[in-house]
PDB file of N, CA and C in Angstrom:
ATOM      1  N   MET A   1     -43.454 -18.209  -2.429  1.00  0.00           N
ATOM      2  CA  MET A   1     -42.694 -16.979  -2.526  1.00  0.00           C
ATOM      3  C   MET A   1     -42.651 -16.336  -1.138  1.00  0.00           C
ATOM      4  N   GLY A   2     -43.123 -15.127  -0.988  1.00  0.00           N
ATOM      5  CA  GLY A   2     -43.125 -14.459   0.305  1.00  0.00           C
ATOM      6  C   GLY A   2     -44.546 -14.140   0.703  1.00  0.00           C
ATOM      7  N   SER A   3     -44.736 -13.918   1.972  1.00  0.00           N
ATOM      8  CA  SER A   3     -46.081 -13.563   2.414  1.00  0.00           C
ATOM      9  C   SER A   3     -46.258 -12.054   2.332  1.00  0.00           C
ATOM     10  N   LYS A   4     -47.516 -11.641   2.273  1.00  0.00           N
ATOM     11  CA  LYS A   4     -47.786 -10.214   2.145  1.00  0.00           C
ATOM     12  C   LYS A   4     -47.382  -9.453   3.404  1.00  0.00           C
ATOM     13  N   GLY A   5     -47.374 -10.112   4.530  1.00  0.00           N
ATOM     14  CA  GLY A   5     -47.053  -9.437   5.773  1.00  0.00           C
ATOM     15  C   GLY A   5     -45.559  -9.356   6.064  1.00  0.00           C
ATOM     16  N   ALA A   6     -44.739  -9.935   5.206  1.00  0.00           N
ATOM     17  CA  ALA A   6     -43.301  -9.944   5.454  1.00  0.00           C
ATOM     18  C   ALA A   6     -42.719  -8.540   5.275  1.00  0.00           C
ATOM     19  N   LYS A   7     -41.696  -8.271   6.065  1.00  0.00           N
ATOM     20  CA  LYS A   7     -41.036  -6.963   5.958  1.00  0.00           C
ATOM     21  C   LYS A   7     -40.248  -6.905   4.648  1.00  0.00           C
ATOM     22  N   PRO A   8     -40.241  -5.752   4.016  1.00  0.00           N
ATOM     23  CA  PRO A   8     -39.431  -5.633   2.795  1.00  0.00           C
ATOM     24  C   PRO A   8     -37.943  -5.631   3.147  1.00  0.00           C
ATOM     25  N   ARG A   9     -37.147  -6.036   2.218  1.00  0.00           N
ATOM     26  CA  ARG A   9     -35.703  -6.052   2.444  1.00  0.00           C
ATOM     27  C   ARG A   9     -35.190  -4.622   2.590  1.00  0.00           C
ATOM     28  N   LYS A  10     -34.234  -4.480   3.498  1.00  0.00           N
ATOM     29  CA  LYS A  10     -33.602  -3.175   3.643  1.00  0.00           C
ATOM     30  C   LYS A  10     -32.592  -2.999   2.523  1.00  0.00           C
ATOM     31  N   ARG A  11     -32.576  -1.821   1.984  1.00  0.00           N
ATOM     32  CA  ARG A  11     -31.598  -1.549   0.943  1.00  0.00           C
ATOM     33  C   ARG A  11     -30.253  -1.283   1.588  1.00  0.00           C
ATOM     34  N   GLU A  12     -29.254  -1.947   1.082  1.00  0.00           N
ATOM     35  CA  GLU A  12     -27.905  -1.711   1.590  1.00  0.00           C
ATOM     36  C   GLU A  12     -27.310  -0.546   0.822  1.00  0.00           C
ATOM     37  N   HIS A  13     -26.758   0.395   1.552  1.00  0.00           N
ATOM     38  CA  HIS A  13     -26.144   1.545   0.914  1.00  0.00           C
ATOM     39  C   HIS A  13     -24.728   1.160   0.491  1.00  0.00           C
ATOM     40  N   SER A  14     -24.468   1.285  -0.800  1.00  0.00           N
ATOM     41  CA  SER A  14     -23.128   0.979  -1.274  1.00  0.00           C
ATOM     42  C   SER A  14     -22.220   2.166  -0.973  1.00  0.00           C
ATOM     43  N   GLN A  15     -20.965   1.873  -0.795  1.00  0.00           N
ATOM     44  CA  GLN A  15     -20.007   2.931  -0.522  1.00  0.00           C
ATOM     45  C   GLN A  15     -19.716   3.654  -1.829  1.00  0.00           C
ATOM     46  N   HIS A  16     -19.951   4.946  -1.824  1.00  0.00           N
ATOM     47  CA  HIS A  16     -19.705   5.725  -3.023  1.00  0.00           C
ATOM     48  C   HIS A  16     -18.228   6.060  -3.114  1.00  0.00           C
ATOM     49  N   LEU A  17     -17.655   5.815  -4.268  1.00  0.00           N
ATOM     50  CA  LEU A  17     -16.251   6.116  -4.492  1.00  0.00           C
ATOM     51  C   LEU A  17     -16.130   7.496  -5.124  1.00  0.00           C
ATOM     52  N   PRO A  18     -15.012   8.177  -4.876  1.00  0.00           N
ATOM     53  CA  PRO A  18     -14.836   9.499  -5.468  1.00  0.00           C
ATOM     54  C   PRO A  18     -14.689   9.409  -6.985  1.00  0.00           C
ATOM     55  N   LYS A  19     -14.918  10.550  -7.646  1.00  0.00           N
ATOM     56  CA  LYS A  19     -14.809  10.583  -9.099  1.00  0.00           C
ATOM     57  C   LYS A  19     -13.379  10.317  -9.536  1.00  0.00           C
ATOM     58  N   VAL A  20     -13.249   9.721 -10.706  1.00  0.00           N
ATOM     59  CA  VAL A  20     -11.939   9.378 -11.244  1.00  0.00           C
ATOM     60  C   VAL A  20     -11.149  10.645 -11.542  1.00  0.00           C
ATOM     61  N   GLY A  21      -9.878  10.637 -11.127  1.00  0.00           N
ATOM     62  CA  GLY A  21      -9.006  11.758 -11.416  1.00  0.00           C
ATOM     63  C   GLY A  21      -8.966  12.830 -10.348  1.00  0.00           C
ATOM     64  N   THR A  22      -9.814  12.726  -9.320  1.00  0.00           N
ATOM     65  CA  THR A  22      -9.789  13.721  -8.261  1.00  0.00           C
ATOM     66  C   THR A  22      -8.660  13.406  -7.290  1.00  0.00           C
ATOM     67  N   ALA A  23      -8.296  14.409  -6.489  1.00  0.00           N
ATOM     68  CA  ALA A  23      -7.213  14.224  -5.522  1.00  0.00           C
ATOM     69  C   ALA A  23      -7.573  13.138  -4.509  1.00  0.00           C
ATOM     70  N   THR A  24      -8.818  13.091  -4.089  1.00  0.00           N
ATOM     71  CA  THR A  24      -9.261  12.088  -3.115  1.00  0.00           C
ATOM     72  C   THR A  24      -9.115  10.686  -3.680  1.00  0.00           C
ATOM     73  N   GLU A  25      -9.491  10.515  -4.933  1.00  0.00           N
ATOM     74  CA  GLU A  25      -9.408   9.194  -5.557  1.00  0.00           C
ATOM     75  C   GLU A  25      -7.952   8.788  -5.758  1.00  0.00           C
ATOM     76  N   ASN A  26      -7.103   9.747  -6.136  1.00  0.00           N
ATOM     77  CA  ASN A  26      -5.682   9.453  -6.322  1.00  0.00           C
ATOM     78  C   ASN A  26      -5.034   9.054  -4.997  1.00  0.00           C
ATOM     79  N   GLU A  27      -5.396   9.720  -3.908  1.00  0.00           N
ATOM     80  CA  GLU A  27      -4.864   9.364  -2.587  1.00  0.00           C
ATOM     81  C   GLU A  27      -5.302   7.963  -2.182  1.00  0.00           C
ATOM     82  N   ARG A  28      -6.553   7.634  -2.474  1.00  0.00           N
ATOM     83  CA  ARG A  28      -7.064   6.304  -2.141  1.00  0.00           C
ATOM     84  C   ARG A  28      -6.321   5.229  -2.921  1.00  0.00           C
ATOM     85  N   LEU A  29      -6.079   5.479  -4.207  1.00  0.00           N
ATOM     86  CA  LEU A  29      -5.354   4.507  -5.028  1.00  0.00           C
ATOM     87  C   LEU A  29      -3.912   4.340  -4.551  1.00  0.00           C
ATOM     88  N   LEU A  30      -3.254   5.453  -4.213  1.00  0.00           N
ATOM     89  CA  LEU A  30      -1.885   5.388  -3.715  1.00  0.00           C
ATOM     90  C   LEU A  30      -1.826   4.600  -2.409  1.00  0.00           C
ATOM     91  N   HIS A  31      -2.782   4.847  -1.541  1.00  0.00           N
ATOM     92  CA  HIS A  31      -2.851   4.147  -0.256  1.00  0.00           C
ATOM     93  C   HIS A  31      -3.031   2.647  -0.475  1.00  0.00           C
ATOM     94  N   ASP A  32      -3.929   2.287  -1.377  1.00  0.00           N
ATOM     95  CA  ASP A  32      -4.169   0.868  -1.669  1.00  0.00           C
ATOM     96  C   ASP A  32      -2.927   0.211  -2.273  1.00  0.00           C
ATOM     97  N   GLU A  33      -2.233   0.917  -3.162  1.00  0.00           N
ATOM     98  CA  GLU A  33      -1.025   0.365  -3.777  1.00  0.00           C
ATOM     99  C   GLU A  33       0.086   0.174  -2.745  1.00  0.00           C
ATOM    100  N   GLN A  34       0.237   1.146  -1.840  1.00  0.00           N
ATOM    101  CA  GLN A  34       1.257   1.025  -0.809  1.00  0.00           C
ATOM    102  C   GLN A  34       0.989  -0.182   0.083  1.00  0.00           C
ATOM    103  N   HIS A  35      -0.264  -0.391   0.444  1.00  0.00           N
ATOM    104  CA  HIS A  35      -0.599  -1.546   1.269  1.00  0.00           C
ATOM    105  C   HIS A  35      -0.373  -2.849   0.509  1.00  0.00           C
ATOM    106  N   ALA A  36      -0.650  -2.855  -0.781  1.00  0.00           N
ATOM    107  CA  ALA A  36      -0.435  -4.062  -1.581  1.00  0.00           C
ATOM    108  C   ALA A  36       1.053  -4.402  -1.653  1.00  0.00           C
ATOM    109  N   VAL A  37       1.896  -3.384  -1.813  1.00  0.00           N
ATOM    110  CA  VAL A  37       3.344  -3.625  -1.874  1.00  0.00           C
ATOM    111  C   VAL A  37       3.842  -4.155  -0.534  1.00  0.00           C
ATOM    112  N   LEU A  38       3.386  -3.549   0.564  1.00  0.00           N
ATOM    113  CA  LEU A  38       3.827  -4.001   1.885  1.00  0.00           C
ATOM    114  C   LEU A  38       3.338  -5.418   2.170  1.00  0.00           C
ATOM    115  N   ASP A  39       2.129  -5.744   1.747  1.00  0.00           N
ATOM    116  CA  ASP A  39       1.631  -7.111   1.922  1.00  0.00           C
ATOM    117  C   ASP A  39       2.475  -8.098   1.119  1.00  0.00           C
ATOM    118  N   GLN A  40       2.873  -7.690  -0.082  1.00  0.00           N
ATOM    119  CA  GLN A  40       3.686  -8.564  -0.933  1.00  0.00           C
ATOM    120  C   GLN A  40       5.052  -8.815  -0.305  1.00  0.00           C
ATOM    121  N   MET A  41       5.597  -7.799   0.376  1.00  0.00           N
ATOM    122  CA  MET A  41       6.901  -7.932   1.025  1.00  0.00           C
ATOM    123  C   MET A  41       6.796  -8.683   2.350  1.00  0.00           C
ATOM    124  N   GLY A  42       5.598  -8.888   2.832  1.00  0.00           N
ATOM    125  CA  GLY A  42       5.411  -9.632   4.073  1.00  0.00           C
ATOM    126  C   GLY A  42       5.373  -8.787   5.326  1.00  0.00           C
ATOM    127  N   VAL A  43       5.307  -7.480   5.185  1.00  0.00           N
ATOM    128  CA  VAL A  43       5.253  -6.604   6.361  1.00  0.00           C
ATOM    129  C   VAL A  43       3.978  -5.761   6.358  1.00  0.00           C
ATOM    130  N   GLY A  44       2.953  -6.238   5.704  1.00  0.00           N
ATOM    131  CA  GLY A  44       1.714  -5.478   5.588  1.00  0.00           C
ATOM    132  C   GLY A  44       1.021  -5.248   6.913  1.00  0.00           C
ATOM    133  N   HIS A  45       1.077  -6.197   7.815  1.00  0.00           N
ATOM    134  CA  HIS A  45       0.388  -6.074   9.099  1.00  0.00           C
ATOM    135  C   HIS A  45       1.362  -5.808  10.238  1.00  0.00           C
ATOM    136  N   ALA A  46       2.574  -5.437   9.892  1.00  0.00           N
ATOM    137  CA  ALA A  46       3.578  -5.160  10.912  1.00  0.00           C
ATOM    138  C   ALA A  46       3.392  -3.746  11.451  1.00  0.00           C
ATOM    139  N   GLY A  47       4.012  -3.496  12.574  1.00  0.00           N
ATOM    140  CA  GLY A  47       3.910  -2.187  13.187  1.00  0.00           C
ATOM    141  C   GLY A  47       4.778  -1.156  12.491  1.00  0.00           C
ATOM    142  N   ARG A  48       4.657   0.072  12.946  1.00  0.00           N
ATOM    143  CA  ARG A  48       5.381   1.178  12.334  1.00  0.00           C
ATOM    144  C   ARG A  48       6.896   1.006  12.496  1.00  0.00           C
ATOM    145  N   GLY A  49       7.326   0.508  13.640  1.00  0.00           N
ATOM    146  CA  GLY A  49       8.757   0.319  13.876  1.00  0.00           C
ATOM    147  C   GLY A  49       9.379  -0.665  12.920  1.00  0.00           C
ATOM    148  N   VAL A  50       8.685  -1.753  12.658  1.00  0.00           N
ATOM    149  CA  VAL A  50       9.206  -2.782  11.742  1.00  0.00           C
ATOM    150  C   VAL A  50       9.285  -2.222  10.325  1.00  0.00           C
ATOM    151  N   LYS A  51       8.270  -1.476   9.927  1.00  0.00           N
ATOM    152  CA  LYS A  51       8.282  -0.882   8.588  1.00  0.00           C
ATOM    153  C   LYS A  51       9.428   0.113   8.456  1.00  0.00           C
ATOM    154  N   SER A  52       9.660   0.901   9.492  1.00  0.00           N
ATOM    155  CA  SER A  52      10.768   1.862   9.467  1.00  0.00           C
ATOM    156  C   SER A  52      12.106   1.136   9.377  1.00  0.00           C
ATOM    157  N   LEU A  53      12.243   0.043  10.102  1.00  0.00           N
ATOM    158  CA  LEU A  53      13.469  -0.743  10.068  1.00  0.00           C
ATOM    159  C   LEU A  53      13.714  -1.307   8.672  1.00  0.00           C
ATOM    160  N   VAL A  54      12.679  -1.793   8.030  1.00  0.00           N
ATOM    161  CA  VAL A  54      12.811  -2.332   6.672  1.00  0.00           C
ATOM    162  C   VAL A  54      13.274  -1.233   5.713  1.00  0.00           C
ATOM    163  N   VAL A  55      12.726  -0.046   5.846  1.00  0.00           N
ATOM    164  CA  VAL A  55      13.119   1.065   4.974  1.00  0.00           C
ATOM    165  C   VAL A  55      14.577   1.438   5.216  1.00  0.00           C
ATOM    166  N   VAL A  56      14.991   1.524   6.468  1.00  0.00           N
ATOM    167  CA  VAL A  56      16.372   1.880   6.796  1.00  0.00           C
ATOM    168  C   VAL A  56      17.339   0.837   6.242  1.00  0.00           C
ATOM    169  N   VAL A  57      17.030  -0.430   6.411  1.00  0.00           N
ATOM    170  CA  VAL A  57      17.896  -1.494   5.897  1.00  0.00           C
ATOM    171  C   VAL A  57      17.988  -1.415   4.374  1.00  0.00           C
ATOM    172  N   ALA A  58      16.869  -1.169   3.705  1.00  0.00           N
ATOM    173  CA  ALA A  58      16.878  -1.072   2.242  1.00  0.00           C
ATOM    174  C   ALA A  58      17.730   0.109   1.781  1.00  0.00           C
ATOM    175  N   VAL A  59      17.617   1.254   2.462  1.00  0.00           N
ATOM    176  CA  VAL A  59      18.396   2.433   2.089  1.00  0.00           C
ATOM    177  C   VAL A  59      19.885   2.177   2.305  1.00  0.00           C
ATOM    178  N   VAL A  60      20.242   1.534   3.396  1.00  0.00           N
ATOM    179  CA  VAL A  60      21.645   1.233   3.671  1.00  0.00           C
ATOM    180  C   VAL A  60      22.196   0.275   2.613  1.00  0.00           C
ATOM    181  N   LEU A  61      21.446  -0.739   2.251  1.00  0.00           N
ATOM    182  CA  LEU A  61      21.913  -1.684   1.224  1.00  0.00           C
ATOM    183  C   LEU A  61      22.121  -1.002  -0.122  1.00  0.00           C
ATOM    184  N   VAL A  62      21.183  -0.156  -0.513  1.00  0.00           N
ATOM    185  CA  VAL A  62      21.318   0.553  -1.787  1.00  0.00           C
ATOM    186  C   VAL A  62      22.505   1.503  -1.726  1.00  0.00           C
ATOM    187  N   GLY A  63      22.675   2.196  -0.599  1.00  0.00           N
ATOM    188  CA  GLY A  63      23.812   3.099  -0.441  1.00  0.00           C
ATOM    189  C   GLY A  63      25.135   2.368  -0.532  1.00  0.00           C
ATOM    190  N   CYS A  64      25.249   1.224   0.116  1.00  0.00           N
ATOM    191  CA  CYS A  64      26.470   0.427   0.053  1.00  0.00           C
ATOM    192  C   CYS A  64      26.740  -0.063  -1.367  1.00  0.00           C
ATOM    193  N   ALA A  65      25.714  -0.428  -2.071  1.00  0.00           N
ATOM    194  CA  ALA A  65      25.880  -0.891  -3.447  1.00  0.00           C
ATOM    195  C   ALA A  65      26.391   0.237  -4.340  1.00  0.00           C
ATOM    196  N   VAL A  66      25.861   1.438  -4.163  1.00  0.00           N
ATOM    197  CA  VAL A  66      26.307   2.576  -4.967  1.00  0.00           C
ATOM    198  C   VAL A  66      27.765   2.908  -4.648  1.00  0.00           C
ATOM    199  N   VAL A  67      28.103   2.968  -3.364  1.00  0.00           N
ATOM    200  CA  VAL A  67      29.484   3.271  -2.965  1.00  0.00           C
ATOM    201  C   VAL A  67      30.432   2.179  -3.486  1.00  0.00           C
ATOM    202  N   GLY A  68      30.046   0.931  -3.396  1.00  0.00           N
ATOM    203  CA  GLY A  68      30.877  -0.163  -3.905  1.00  0.00           C
ATOM    204  C   GLY A  68      31.081  -0.068  -5.400  1.00  0.00           C
ATOM    205  N   LEU A  69      30.039   0.268  -6.132  1.00  0.00           N
ATOM    206  CA  LEU A  69      30.153   0.416  -7.580  1.00  0.00           C
ATOM    207  C   LEU A  69      31.078   1.572  -7.937  1.00  0.00           C
ATOM    208  N   MET A  70      30.954   2.670  -7.208  1.00  0.00           N
ATOM    209  CA  MET A  70      31.842   3.810  -7.454  1.00  0.00           C
ATOM    210  C   MET A  70      33.287   3.446  -7.136  1.00  0.00           C
ATOM    211  N   ALA A  71      33.526   2.690  -6.068  1.00  0.00           N
ATOM    212  CA  ALA A  71      34.870   2.276  -5.706  1.00  0.00           C
ATOM    213  C   ALA A  71      35.483   1.383  -6.774  1.00  0.00           C
ATOM    214  N   VAL A  72      34.698   0.494  -7.328  1.00  0.00           N
ATOM    215  CA  VAL A  72      35.187  -0.392  -8.388  1.00  0.00           C
ATOM    216  C   VAL A  72      35.557   0.431  -9.615  1.00  0.00           C
ATOM    217  N   MET A  73      34.744   1.429  -9.941  1.00  0.00           N
ATOM    218  CA  MET A  73      35.009   2.255 -11.125  1.00  0.00           C
ATOM    219  C   MET A  73      36.254   3.129 -10.928  1.00  0.00           C
ATOM    220  N   VAL A  74      36.464   3.633  -9.712  1.00  0.00           N
ATOM    221  CA  VAL A  74      37.593   4.533  -9.467  1.00  0.00           C
ATOM    222  C   VAL A  74      38.900   3.761  -9.373  1.00  0.00           C
ATOM    223  N   PHE A  75      38.905   2.650  -8.661  1.00  0.00           N
ATOM    224  CA  PHE A  75      40.149   1.922  -8.404  1.00  0.00           C
ATOM    225  C   PHE A  75      40.420   0.811  -9.418  1.00  0.00           C
ATOM    226  N   ARG A  76      39.811   0.849 -10.530  1.00  0.00           N
ATOM    227  CA  ARG A  76      39.995  -0.180 -11.544  1.00  0.00           C
ATOM    228  C   ARG A  76      41.227  -0.001 -12.296  1.00  0.00           C
TER     229      ARG A  76
END
């Protein structure tokens, strides 16, 4: 087993998480979810500029789709 003169193991301090339902815990969950979505899209480790570009492109595509749908409905 171990010898009597051996040093005892150091206790590792676990990271305490905030209580469920608090604002701090909700912010942490939102932050984790946002990172998970960005990782899934493939831009999780990209810089701020790349993320901004992705958002702008997505907004432009959605805007064009809405305008196109409205045009089809009006000129039908």
